[in-house]
Amino acid sequence: KTLPAACDTFFTQWAVEGQLTEQKRWQRAKLAAQGRNYALANQLVNSMTTLAPQGRLLIAVAQKPEMVNNQGQFMPADEAMSDVVGLGLRRLAKQDPQRAMELLDSYAPVLHFSHEEQVQIAKEIGLTLARSYDGRALEVMTKYDPDLRDNTVTEWRLRLLLRLGRWSDAYELTRRLPQDLATTNRWRYWQARSLELAQPNSPLLPGLYKAVAKERDFYGFLAADRTQTPYMLNNKPLAMSQALMTKVRNTPGVRRALEFYDRGQIVDGRREWYHVTRRFSRDEMVAQAKLAYDMHWYFPAIRTISQAQYWDDLDIRFPMAHRDTLVREAQVRGLHSSWVFAITRQESAFMDDARSGVGAAGLMQLMPATAKETARKFSIPLASPAQVLDPDKNIQLGAAYLSQVHAQFNGNRVLASAAYNAGPGRVRQWLRGANHLAFDVWVESIPFDETRQYVQNVLSYAVIYGQKLNSPQPLVDWHERFFDDL
């Protein structure tokens, strides 16, 4: 990163003392190029003497990684040139992984890449192939990480085996997982599921599934469906003592936050609320969350109880905020109310004035262009862009847009949830080659970590909201269980 001007004196003194060596400049230039800070990289290269030619090549390759195809220009085969080619191959891996693999095999004996460098390049190649469901990734990953030392690579090996329907291989790999992966609900479920698909009559299956089905999350609900047992919501609302509630309410910071809230100065109120939270014990934070919930100040309630890491009070964590509007608009658009609640909870956690870094706004996080187009298409009055922050208007527009996406994917909430987060085009891309693909395999193989978690959360939250609405819904309906290429 470019450092503040105040650091210049330090660097000057460092150079005068002979400590700012060319090798140190090279290391910083390499990091700058990796971070795409080419202005800083150029500045550093211009201060070099011996390594200046390699530095200029480093910057060029970082921006045009296909240059590594011309192997003759990457001489002499020294450590700096290894850095140049290594960066180029990692970048090329995301554009043309097959060519990057061929070049890695060609360059490795000449440039004497360290084992670590080869593994990092191969990781980029393998992950790029895996995220496009290319079976060649398995060979790369197995060759360069045979001992399952990289969790990201290991998880994608498993996802690809699942996507390719190699159930026995997937099951055997789950049995080799390192402890920190093997104990997660995700891979405990997939151990059972892959075993079921490989050996449907295995006597191990009931025990494996039942252990996961006790959990209140996406994988717990999946396991419950496999064993045809009820979902374990494990709701344990906290009974707070009146003395503790009074103590927290009378804390000066909380009193100031509530005063701001009463005056409609919501942002100032939240800021004061978060500040005082840092000084509270866990019990005090839970009481503070209950106080916010009782006042219908839902976002601070959700945030505070999460900070306290108390996960079992589902009333506070999943409030029935804006119930009348959400239920009405869901019914108008022919959607499950529990699903619209779940989308809203995931998008904003009921922060009415939520704004994302890319401009999405309100409870259902609508982009300005989406809100405008949805208003036009569904004849919903929208006086100004600012009206999108009005809770009722945001829900009206959000439910309308959600119904549009829902229809695009033939009433499939799994696909529509993914599309609401990542866009319909990406979802169609992730469906390519699908042939009666089970929904749980499809969700697990979503290339974007954020979207995968988003879909899992939304489906799980919909189960919880279905119970709270006295309208229980399965994790997925029958028509949502298998996918085909659109």
Protein backbone atom coordinates (compact mmCIF):
# COMPACT_ATOMS: atom_id res chain seq x y z
CA LYS A 1 0.00 0.00 0.00
CA THR A 2 1.00 3.61 -0.48
CA LEU A 3 1.97 4.99 2.92
CA PRO A 4 1.17 8.49 4.24
CA ALA A 5 3.61 11.31 3.47
CA ALA A 6 4.48 11.40 7.16
CA CYS A 7 6.41 8.15 6.62
CA ASP A 8 8.76 9.72 4.03
CA THR A 9 11.19 11.00 6.66
CA PHE A 10 11.48 7.52 8.13
CA PHE A 11 12.18 5.94 4.73
CA THR A 12 14.76 8.63 3.91
CA GLN A 13 16.61 8.02 7.17
CA TRP A 14 16.38 4.28 6.61
CA ALA A 15 17.97 4.69 3.18
CA VAL A 16 20.74 6.97 4.52
CA GLU A 17 21.62 4.30 7.07
CA GLY A 18 21.84 1.72 4.29
CA GLN A 19 18.93 -0.31 5.63
CA LEU A 20 16.54 0.26 2.71
CA THR A 21 18.26 -2.24 0.46
CA GLU A 22 17.32 -3.03 -3.11
CA GLN A 23 16.05 -6.41 -1.96
CA LYS A 24 13.65 -4.72 0.46
CA ARG A 25 12.48 -2.39 -2.32
CA TRP A 26 11.94 -5.45 -4.51
CA GLN A 27 9.84 -7.20 -1.89
CA ARG A 28 7.65 -4.12 -1.49
CA ALA A 29 7.36 -3.66 -5.28
CA LYS A 30 6.29 -7.30 -5.58
CA LEU A 31 3.59 -6.81 -2.96
CA ALA A 32 2.45 -3.60 -4.66
CA ALA A 33 2.14 -5.39 -8.01
CA GLN A 34 0.24 -8.24 -6.37
CA GLY A 35 -2.10 -5.65 -4.85
CA ARG A 36 -2.48 -3.90 -8.25
CA ASN A 37 -0.95 -0.69 -6.87
CA TYR A 38 1.05 -0.08 -10.02
CA ALA A 39 1.84 3.56 -9.23
CA LEU A 40 3.70 2.51 -6.09
CA ALA A 41 5.33 -0.42 -7.88
CA ASN A 42 6.63 1.91 -10.61
CA GLN A 43 7.95 4.34 -8.01
CA LEU A 44 9.88 1.57 -6.29
CA VAL A 45 11.22 0.08 -9.52
CA ASN A 46 12.49 3.51 -10.61
CA SER A 47 14.55 3.66 -7.41
CA MET A 48 16.29 0.36 -8.20
CA THR A 49 19.47 -0.28 -10.15
CA THR A 50 20.30 -3.97 -10.49
CA LEU A 51 16.70 -5.22 -10.30
CA ALA A 52 15.10 -2.46 -12.39
CA PRO A 53 14.73 -4.61 -15.57
CA GLN A 54 13.02 -7.40 -13.62
CA GLY A 55 10.88 -4.79 -11.88
CA ARG A 56 9.60 -3.34 -15.15
CA LEU A 57 8.86 -6.85 -16.35
CA LEU A 58 7.05 -7.60 -13.08
CA ILE A 59 4.66 -4.68 -13.58
CA ALA A 60 4.08 -5.56 -17.23
CA VAL A 61 3.34 -9.21 -16.47
CA ALA A 62 1.03 -8.31 -13.59
CA GLN A 63 -1.14 -6.38 -16.06
CA LYS A 64 -0.71 -8.75 -19.03
CA PRO A 65 -0.12 -12.25 -17.63
CA GLU A 66 -0.29 -13.81 -21.11
CA MET A 67 3.27 -12.49 -21.55
CA VAL A 68 4.53 -15.59 -19.74
CA ASN A 69 3.79 -17.56 -22.92
CA ASN A 70 7.02 -16.08 -24.33
CA GLN A 71 9.44 -18.01 -22.15
CA GLY A 72 12.57 -16.67 -23.82
CA GLN A 73 12.25 -13.19 -22.31
CA PHE A 74 12.28 -14.40 -18.72
CA MET A 75 16.01 -14.72 -18.24
CA PRO A 76 18.24 -14.88 -16.27
CA ALA A 77 16.62 -17.61 -14.21
CA ASP A 78 17.19 -15.92 -10.85
CA GLU A 79 15.02 -15.46 -7.77
CA ALA A 80 13.55 -12.17 -8.98
CA MET A 81 12.56 -13.71 -12.31
CA SER A 82 10.89 -16.54 -10.42
CA ASP A 83 8.80 -13.89 -8.65
CA VAL A 84 7.87 -12.32 -11.99
CA VAL A 85 6.82 -15.57 -13.64
CA GLY A 86 5.10 -16.81 -10.48
CA LEU A 87 2.86 -13.74 -10.38
CA GLY A 88 2.16 -14.09 -14.09
CA LEU A 89 1.18 -17.74 -13.76
CA ARG A 90 -1.12 -17.03 -10.81
CA ARG A 91 -2.87 -14.32 -12.82
CA LEU A 92 -2.98 -16.46 -15.97
CA ALA A 93 -4.50 -19.30 -13.95
CA LYS A 94 -7.72 -17.30 -13.61
CA GLN A 95 -7.91 -16.68 -17.37
CA ASP A 96 -6.56 -19.90 -18.89
CA PRO A 97 -5.92 -22.52 -16.19
CA GLN A 98 -4.96 -25.27 -18.64
CA ARG A 99 -2.25 -23.13 -20.24
CA ALA A 100 -1.04 -22.00 -16.81
CA MET A 101 -0.64 -25.65 -15.80
CA GLU A 102 1.37 -26.44 -18.93
CA LEU A 103 3.63 -23.43 -18.34
CA LEU A 104 4.11 -24.30 -14.67
CA ASP A 105 5.43 -27.72 -15.65
CA SER A 106 7.71 -26.06 -18.23
CA TYR A 107 9.04 -23.25 -16.03
CA ALA A 108 9.45 -25.19 -12.77
CA PRO A 109 12.74 -27.00 -13.56
CA VAL A 110 14.29 -23.86 -15.10
CA LEU A 111 13.33 -21.19 -12.56
CA HIS A 112 13.64 -23.51 -9.56
CA PHE A 113 10.35 -22.47 -7.98
CA SER A 114 10.17 -23.31 -4.31
CA HIS A 115 7.69 -26.02 -3.39
CA GLU A 116 5.57 -23.37 -1.68
CA GLU A 117 5.50 -21.24 -4.85
CA GLN A 118 4.50 -24.22 -6.99
CA VAL A 119 1.73 -25.08 -4.55
CA GLN A 120 0.37 -21.52 -4.61
CA ILE A 121 0.34 -21.42 -8.42
CA ALA A 122 -1.24 -24.86 -8.60
CA LYS A 123 -3.82 -23.76 -6.03
CA GLU A 124 -4.98 -20.90 -8.27
CA ILE A 125 -5.14 -23.26 -11.24
CA GLY A 126 -6.99 -25.96 -9.32
CA LEU A 127 -9.52 -23.60 -7.75
CA THR A 128 -10.27 -21.92 -11.08
CA LEU A 129 -10.90 -25.29 -12.71
CA ALA A 130 -12.92 -26.57 -9.75
CA ARG A 131 -15.16 -23.50 -9.65
CA SER A 132 -16.06 -24.16 -13.26
CA TYR A 133 -16.68 -27.85 -12.43
CA ASP A 134 -13.75 -29.06 -14.52
CA GLY A 135 -12.58 -32.52 -13.45
CA ARG A 136 -8.97 -31.69 -14.34
CA ALA A 137 -8.82 -29.76 -11.07
CA LEU A 138 -8.70 -33.02 -9.14
CA GLU A 139 -5.41 -34.04 -10.72
CA VAL A 140 -3.84 -30.66 -9.98
CA MET A 141 -5.08 -30.54 -6.39
CA THR A 142 -4.08 -34.12 -5.64
CA LYS A 143 -0.61 -33.62 -7.10
CA TYR A 144 0.23 -30.44 -5.18
CA ASP A 145 -1.70 -31.00 -1.94
CA PRO A 146 -1.75 -34.77 -1.36
CA ASP A 147 -1.76 -34.39 2.43
CA LEU A 148 -4.79 -32.05 2.64
CA ARG A 149 -2.83 -29.18 4.17
CA ASP A 150 -4.82 -26.41 2.48
CA ASN A 151 -8.43 -26.35 3.68
CA THR A 152 -9.70 -24.27 0.76
CA VAL A 153 -8.23 -26.72 -1.74
CA THR A 154 -9.52 -29.69 0.23
CA GLU A 155 -13.06 -28.34 0.40
CA TRP A 156 -13.10 -27.68 -3.32
CA ARG A 157 -11.80 -31.18 -4.03
CA LEU A 158 -14.80 -32.47 -2.13
CA ARG A 159 -17.24 -30.10 -3.81
CA LEU A 160 -16.00 -31.12 -7.23
CA LEU A 161 -16.26 -34.83 -6.41
CA LEU A 162 -19.85 -34.22 -5.32
CA ARG A 163 -20.66 -32.20 -8.43
CA LEU A 164 -19.19 -34.96 -10.63
CA GLY A 165 -21.16 -37.66 -8.80
CA ARG A 166 -18.08 -39.49 -7.54
CA TRP A 167 -19.74 -40.52 -4.30
CA SER A 168 -17.29 -43.21 -3.15
CA ASP A 169 -14.31 -40.91 -3.69
CA ALA A 170 -16.10 -38.12 -1.84
CA TYR A 171 -16.89 -40.39 1.10
CA GLU A 172 -13.31 -41.63 1.35
CA LEU A 173 -12.03 -38.06 1.28
CA THR A 174 -14.38 -37.04 4.13
CA ARG A 175 -12.77 -39.78 6.21
CA ARG A 176 -9.33 -38.20 5.70
CA LEU A 177 -10.30 -34.64 6.55
CA PRO A 178 -8.27 -32.70 9.11
CA GLN A 179 -10.01 -32.33 12.44
CA ASP A 180 -11.05 -28.70 11.98
CA LEU A 181 -13.01 -29.64 8.85
CA ALA A 182 -14.18 -33.09 9.91
CA THR A 183 -16.05 -31.73 12.93
CA THR A 184 -18.07 -29.11 11.02
CA ASN A 185 -21.75 -29.75 10.33
CA ARG A 186 -21.05 -29.21 6.62
CA TRP A 187 -18.67 -32.12 6.20
CA ARG A 188 -20.36 -34.34 8.77
CA TYR A 189 -23.50 -34.05 6.61
CA TRP A 190 -21.61 -34.71 3.39
CA GLN A 191 -19.91 -37.74 4.88
CA ALA A 192 -23.34 -39.20 5.52
CA ARG A 193 -24.80 -38.06 2.19
CA SER A 194 -21.91 -39.34 0.06
CA LEU A 195 -22.01 -42.66 1.93
CA GLU A 196 -25.76 -42.88 1.28
CA LEU A 197 -25.25 -42.32 -2.43
CA ALA A 198 -22.34 -44.78 -2.61
CA GLN A 199 -23.73 -47.43 -0.22
CA PRO A 200 -27.48 -46.85 0.32
CA ASN A 201 -27.79 -49.75 2.76
CA SER A 202 -24.81 -48.90 4.95
CA PRO A 203 -25.62 -49.48 8.65
CA LEU A 204 -23.59 -46.35 9.48
CA LEU A 205 -26.06 -43.98 7.84
CA PRO A 206 -28.71 -43.54 10.58
CA GLY A 207 -26.14 -42.62 13.21
CA LEU A 208 -24.27 -40.20 10.95
CA TYR A 209 -27.43 -38.39 9.92
CA LYS A 210 -29.02 -38.29 13.38
CA ALA A 211 -25.93 -36.64 14.87
CA VAL A 212 -26.18 -33.76 12.38
CA ALA A 213 -29.99 -33.54 12.52
CA LYS A 214 -29.74 -32.24 16.10
CA GLU A 215 -28.30 -28.96 14.82
CA ARG A 216 -30.23 -25.81 13.91
CA ASP A 217 -28.64 -24.88 10.61
CA PHE A 218 -28.81 -25.68 6.91
CA TYR A 219 -27.01 -29.01 7.29
CA GLY A 220 -29.02 -29.97 10.36
CA PHE A 221 -32.24 -29.36 8.44
CA LEU A 222 -30.90 -31.33 5.46
CA ALA A 223 -30.08 -34.25 7.76
CA ALA A 224 -33.52 -34.05 9.36
CA ASP A 225 -35.08 -34.36 5.92
CA ARG A 226 -32.94 -37.41 5.13
CA THR A 227 -34.09 -39.10 8.36
CA GLN A 228 -37.66 -37.77 8.16
CA THR A 229 -37.41 -36.25 11.63
CA PRO A 230 -38.62 -32.81 12.82
CA TYR A 231 -36.36 -29.81 12.49
CA MET A 232 -34.64 -29.05 15.79
CA LEU A 233 -35.12 -25.31 16.31
CA ASN A 234 -33.82 -25.44 19.89
CA ASN A 235 -35.42 -22.11 20.78
CA LYS A 236 -34.42 -21.05 24.30
CA PRO A 237 -35.54 -17.47 25.02
CA LEU A 238 -33.59 -16.00 27.89
CA ALA A 239 -35.38 -15.07 31.09
CA MET A 240 -33.61 -11.91 32.21
CA SER A 241 -33.85 -10.70 35.80
CA GLN A 242 -35.61 -7.38 36.27
CA ALA A 243 -32.63 -6.14 38.27
CA LEU A 244 -30.24 -6.70 35.37
CA MET A 245 -32.65 -5.15 32.86
CA THR A 246 -32.99 -2.07 35.07
CA LYS A 247 -29.22 -1.80 35.53
CA VAL A 248 -28.60 -1.93 31.78
CA ARG A 249 -31.44 0.48 30.99
CA ASN A 250 -30.04 3.02 33.47
CA THR A 251 -26.48 2.85 32.13
CA PRO A 252 -25.65 6.39 30.89
CA GLY A 253 -24.66 5.22 27.40
CA VAL A 254 -27.86 3.22 26.97
CA ARG A 255 -29.94 6.15 28.23
CA ARG A 256 -28.27 8.43 25.68
CA ALA A 257 -28.88 5.90 22.90
CA LEU A 258 -32.55 5.61 23.82
CA GLU A 259 -32.89 9.39 23.93
CA PHE A 260 -31.48 9.61 20.39
CA TYR A 261 -33.86 6.85 19.32
CA ASP A 262 -36.88 8.65 20.78
CA ARG A 263 -35.88 11.82 18.91
CA GLY A 264 -35.63 9.94 15.63
CA GLN A 265 -31.83 10.33 15.50
CA ILE A 266 -31.40 6.67 14.68
CA VAL A 267 -27.81 6.79 13.41
CA ASP A 268 -26.59 8.64 16.51
CA GLY A 269 -28.56 6.24 18.66
CA ARG A 270 -26.95 3.19 17.07
CA ARG A 271 -23.50 4.72 17.39
CA GLU A 272 -24.00 5.32 21.13
CA TRP A 273 -25.54 1.87 21.54
CA TYR A 274 -22.57 0.11 19.93
CA HIS A 275 -20.10 2.15 21.98
CA VAL A 276 -21.60 1.12 25.30
CA THR A 277 -21.88 -2.52 24.19
CA ARG A 278 -18.08 -2.81 24.17
CA ARG A 279 -18.00 -2.29 27.94
CA PHE A 280 -20.69 -4.80 28.84
CA SER A 281 -20.36 -8.37 30.05
CA ARG A 282 -22.05 -11.12 28.07
CA ASP A 283 -25.11 -11.11 30.36
CA GLU A 284 -25.36 -7.35 30.08
CA MET A 285 -25.16 -7.54 26.29
CA VAL A 286 -27.98 -10.08 26.21
CA ALA A 287 -30.07 -7.82 28.45
CA GLN A 288 -29.25 -4.90 26.18
CA ALA A 289 -30.40 -6.96 23.16
CA LYS A 290 -33.66 -7.81 24.96
CA LEU A 291 -34.18 -4.13 25.73
CA ALA A 292 -33.77 -3.18 22.06
CA TYR A 293 -36.07 -6.00 20.99
CA ASP A 294 -38.80 -4.91 23.41
CA MET A 295 -38.60 -1.42 21.86
CA HIS A 296 -38.90 -2.90 18.33
CA TRP A 297 -35.39 -1.63 17.57
CA TYR A 298 -34.57 -4.83 15.78
CA PHE A 299 -31.21 -4.35 14.09
CA PRO A 300 -29.34 -3.35 17.29
CA ALA A 301 -31.08 -6.25 19.05
CA ILE A 302 -29.86 -8.74 16.44
CA ARG A 303 -26.37 -7.29 16.34
CA THR A 304 -26.00 -7.16 20.12
CA ILE A 305 -27.18 -10.71 20.79
CA SER A 306 -24.82 -11.90 18.04
CA GLN A 307 -21.93 -10.09 19.72
CA ALA A 308 -22.89 -11.84 22.94
CA GLN A 309 -22.76 -15.12 20.98
CA TYR A 310 -26.09 -16.27 22.34
CA TRP A 311 -27.70 -18.05 19.41
CA ASP A 312 -30.73 -19.78 20.94
CA ASP A 313 -33.16 -16.89 21.52
CA LEU A 314 -34.96 -17.05 18.19
CA ASP A 315 -37.42 -14.32 19.15
CA ILE A 316 -34.64 -11.74 19.29
CA ARG A 317 -32.61 -13.17 16.42
CA PHE A 318 -35.59 -13.58 14.08
CA PRO A 319 -38.11 -10.87 14.93
CA MET A 320 -41.46 -10.50 13.17
CA ALA A 321 -40.60 -6.98 12.06
CA HIS A 322 -42.95 -5.30 9.57
CA ARG A 323 -45.12 -8.41 9.73
CA ASP A 324 -48.29 -6.95 8.24
CA THR A 325 -46.50 -5.44 5.25
CA LEU A 326 -44.30 -8.47 4.59
CA VAL A 327 -47.19 -10.93 4.77
CA ARG A 328 -49.44 -8.74 2.62
CA GLU A 329 -46.85 -8.17 -0.11
CA ALA A 330 -45.87 -11.84 -0.13
CA GLN A 331 -49.51 -12.79 -0.65
CA VAL A 332 -49.96 -10.18 -3.39
CA ARG A 333 -46.99 -11.66 -5.26
CA GLY A 334 -47.84 -15.30 -4.61
CA LEU A 335 -44.76 -15.97 -2.47
CA HIS A 336 -44.23 -17.82 0.81
CA SER A 337 -44.26 -15.18 3.57
CA SER A 338 -41.55 -17.11 5.39
CA TRP A 339 -39.26 -16.78 2.36
CA VAL A 340 -39.78 -13.02 2.05
CA PHE A 341 -39.08 -12.69 5.78
CA ALA A 342 -35.91 -14.78 5.34
CA ILE A 343 -34.63 -12.69 2.43
CA THR A 344 -35.24 -9.49 4.39
CA ARG A 345 -33.55 -10.86 7.51
CA GLN A 346 -30.52 -11.93 5.48
CA GLU A 347 -30.29 -8.71 3.45
CA SER A 348 -30.54 -6.09 6.19
CA ALA A 349 -31.31 -7.74 9.53
CA PHE A 350 -34.22 -5.25 9.57
CA MET A 351 -32.12 -2.09 9.43
CA ASP A 352 -34.58 0.23 7.68
CA ASP A 353 -31.91 2.63 6.42
CA ALA A 354 -29.30 0.01 5.47
CA ARG A 355 -27.02 0.95 2.57
CA SER A 356 -24.40 -1.29 1.02
CA GLY A 357 -21.07 -0.24 -0.40
CA VAL A 358 -22.41 -0.66 -3.94
CA GLY A 359 -25.55 1.40 -3.36
CA ALA A 360 -28.21 -1.17 -2.43
CA ALA A 361 -30.69 0.39 -0.03
CA GLY A 362 -33.33 -0.44 2.53
CA LEU A 363 -34.74 -3.55 4.14
CA MET A 364 -34.52 -5.70 1.00
CA GLN A 365 -31.35 -4.01 -0.32
CA LEU A 366 -32.54 -2.77 -3.70
CA MET A 367 -30.17 -1.18 -6.19
CA PRO A 368 -31.49 2.19 -7.48
CA ALA A 369 -31.84 0.94 -11.05
CA THR A 370 -33.62 -2.23 -9.88
CA ALA A 371 -36.04 -0.22 -7.74
CA LYS A 372 -36.81 2.16 -10.62
CA GLU A 373 -37.33 -0.62 -13.17
CA THR A 374 -39.43 -2.70 -10.75
CA ALA A 375 -41.62 0.31 -9.96
CA ARG A 376 -42.18 0.85 -13.69
CA LYS A 377 -42.84 -2.80 -14.50
CA PHE A 378 -45.28 -3.39 -11.64
CA SER A 379 -46.88 0.10 -11.72
CA ILE A 380 -45.76 0.88 -8.17
CA PRO A 381 -45.67 4.63 -7.44
CA LEU A 382 -42.14 5.81 -6.59
CA ALA A 383 -41.95 9.54 -5.98
CA SER A 384 -38.17 9.72 -5.67
CA PRO A 385 -35.12 7.46 -5.20
CA ALA A 386 -35.10 8.40 -1.50
CA GLN A 387 -38.50 6.75 -1.06
CA VAL A 388 -36.79 3.37 -1.45
CA LEU A 389 -35.74 3.75 2.20
CA ASP A 390 -39.36 3.86 3.33
CA PRO A 391 -39.92 0.38 4.85
CA ASP A 392 -43.33 -0.26 3.32
CA LYS A 393 -42.25 0.95 -0.12
CA ASN A 394 -39.03 -1.05 0.03
CA ILE A 395 -40.89 -4.24 0.91
CA GLN A 396 -43.45 -3.58 -1.82
CA LEU A 397 -40.71 -3.16 -4.43
CA GLY A 398 -38.54 -5.95 -3.02
CA ALA A 399 -41.36 -8.50 -3.01
CA ALA A 400 -42.29 -7.52 -6.56
CA TYR A 401 -38.72 -7.95 -7.79
CA LEU A 402 -38.37 -11.22 -5.87
CA SER A 403 -41.52 -12.52 -7.57
CA GLN A 404 -39.99 -11.65 -10.95
CA VAL A 405 -36.82 -13.62 -10.17
CA HIS A 406 -38.93 -16.44 -8.72
CA ALA A 407 -40.87 -16.69 -12.00
CA GLN A 408 -37.66 -16.64 -14.06
CA PHE A 409 -36.57 -19.81 -12.28
CA ASN A 410 -39.91 -21.61 -12.50
CA GLY A 411 -40.91 -21.00 -8.91
CA ASN A 412 -37.70 -22.44 -7.47
CA ARG A 413 -36.76 -20.57 -4.28
CA VAL A 414 -33.27 -22.09 -4.16
CA LEU A 415 -32.31 -20.71 -7.56
CA ALA A 416 -34.22 -17.46 -7.03
CA SER A 417 -32.43 -16.84 -3.72
CA ALA A 418 -29.07 -17.29 -5.43
CA ALA A 419 -30.18 -14.98 -8.24
CA TYR A 420 -31.35 -12.30 -5.79
CA ASN A 421 -27.82 -12.23 -4.40
CA ALA A 422 -25.58 -12.90 -7.41
CA GLY A 423 -27.81 -12.18 -10.41
CA PRO A 424 -29.80 -14.46 -12.73
CA GLY A 425 -26.98 -14.69 -15.29
CA ARG A 426 -24.56 -16.24 -12.83
CA VAL A 427 -27.16 -18.74 -11.65
CA ARG A 428 -27.75 -19.90 -15.22
CA GLN A 429 -23.99 -20.26 -15.61
CA TRP A 430 -23.80 -22.43 -12.47
CA LEU A 431 -26.58 -24.64 -13.86
CA ARG A 432 -24.66 -25.53 -17.02
CA GLY A 433 -24.32 -29.24 -17.42
CA ALA A 434 -26.75 -29.99 -14.59
CA ASN A 435 -28.72 -33.16 -15.30
CA HIS A 436 -31.17 -33.97 -12.52
CA LEU A 437 -28.62 -32.56 -10.06
CA ALA A 438 -29.68 -32.72 -6.41
CA PHE A 439 -30.28 -29.28 -4.92
CA ASP A 440 -27.94 -29.86 -1.97
CA VAL A 441 -25.07 -30.71 -4.34
CA TRP A 442 -25.84 -27.62 -6.43
CA VAL A 443 -25.87 -25.32 -3.39
CA GLU A 444 -22.63 -26.80 -2.06
CA SER A 445 -20.92 -26.25 -5.41
CA ILE A 446 -21.87 -22.57 -5.82
CA PRO A 447 -18.53 -20.95 -6.72
CA PHE A 448 -19.05 -17.79 -4.65
CA ASP A 449 -18.61 -18.30 -0.91
CA GLU A 450 -20.90 -15.36 -0.17
CA THR A 451 -23.73 -16.63 -2.36
CA ARG A 452 -23.42 -20.19 -1.07
CA GLN A 453 -23.74 -18.96 2.52
CA TYR A 454 -26.52 -16.58 1.49
CA VAL A 455 -28.65 -19.37 0.00
CA GLN A 456 -28.04 -21.64 2.98
CA ASN A 457 -29.01 -18.86 5.39
CA VAL A 458 -32.15 -17.88 3.48
CA LEU A 459 -33.45 -21.45 3.26
CA SER A 460 -32.72 -22.05 6.95
CA TYR A 461 -34.26 -18.74 8.01
CA ALA A 462 -37.38 -19.56 5.98
CA VAL A 463 -37.81 -22.75 8.03
CA ILE A 464 -37.58 -20.71 11.24
CA TYR A 465 -39.99 -18.04 10.02
CA GLY A 466 -42.40 -20.70 8.79
CA GLN A 467 -42.63 -21.99 12.36
CA LYS A 468 -43.03 -18.48 13.77
CA LEU A 469 -45.83 -17.75 11.28
CA ASN A 470 -47.58 -21.01 12.25
CA SER A 471 -47.16 -22.12 8.65
CA PRO A 472 -44.37 -24.72 8.73
CA GLN A 473 -42.49 -25.11 5.47
CA PRO A 474 -39.95 -27.75 4.44
CA LEU A 475 -36.42 -26.65 3.68
CA VAL A 476 -37.27 -27.13 -0.01
CA ASP A 477 -40.44 -28.18 -1.80
CA TRP A 478 -40.55 -31.29 -3.97
CA HIS A 479 -40.24 -29.34 -7.22
CA GLU A 480 -37.07 -27.68 -5.89
CA ARG A 481 -35.14 -30.88 -5.17
CA PHE A 482 -33.47 -31.50 -8.55
CA PHE A 483 -32.04 -29.12 -11.14
CA ASP A 484 -31.43 -29.29 -14.86
CA ASP A 485 -29.51 -27.00 -17.19
CA LEU A 486 -31.76 -24.16 -18.31
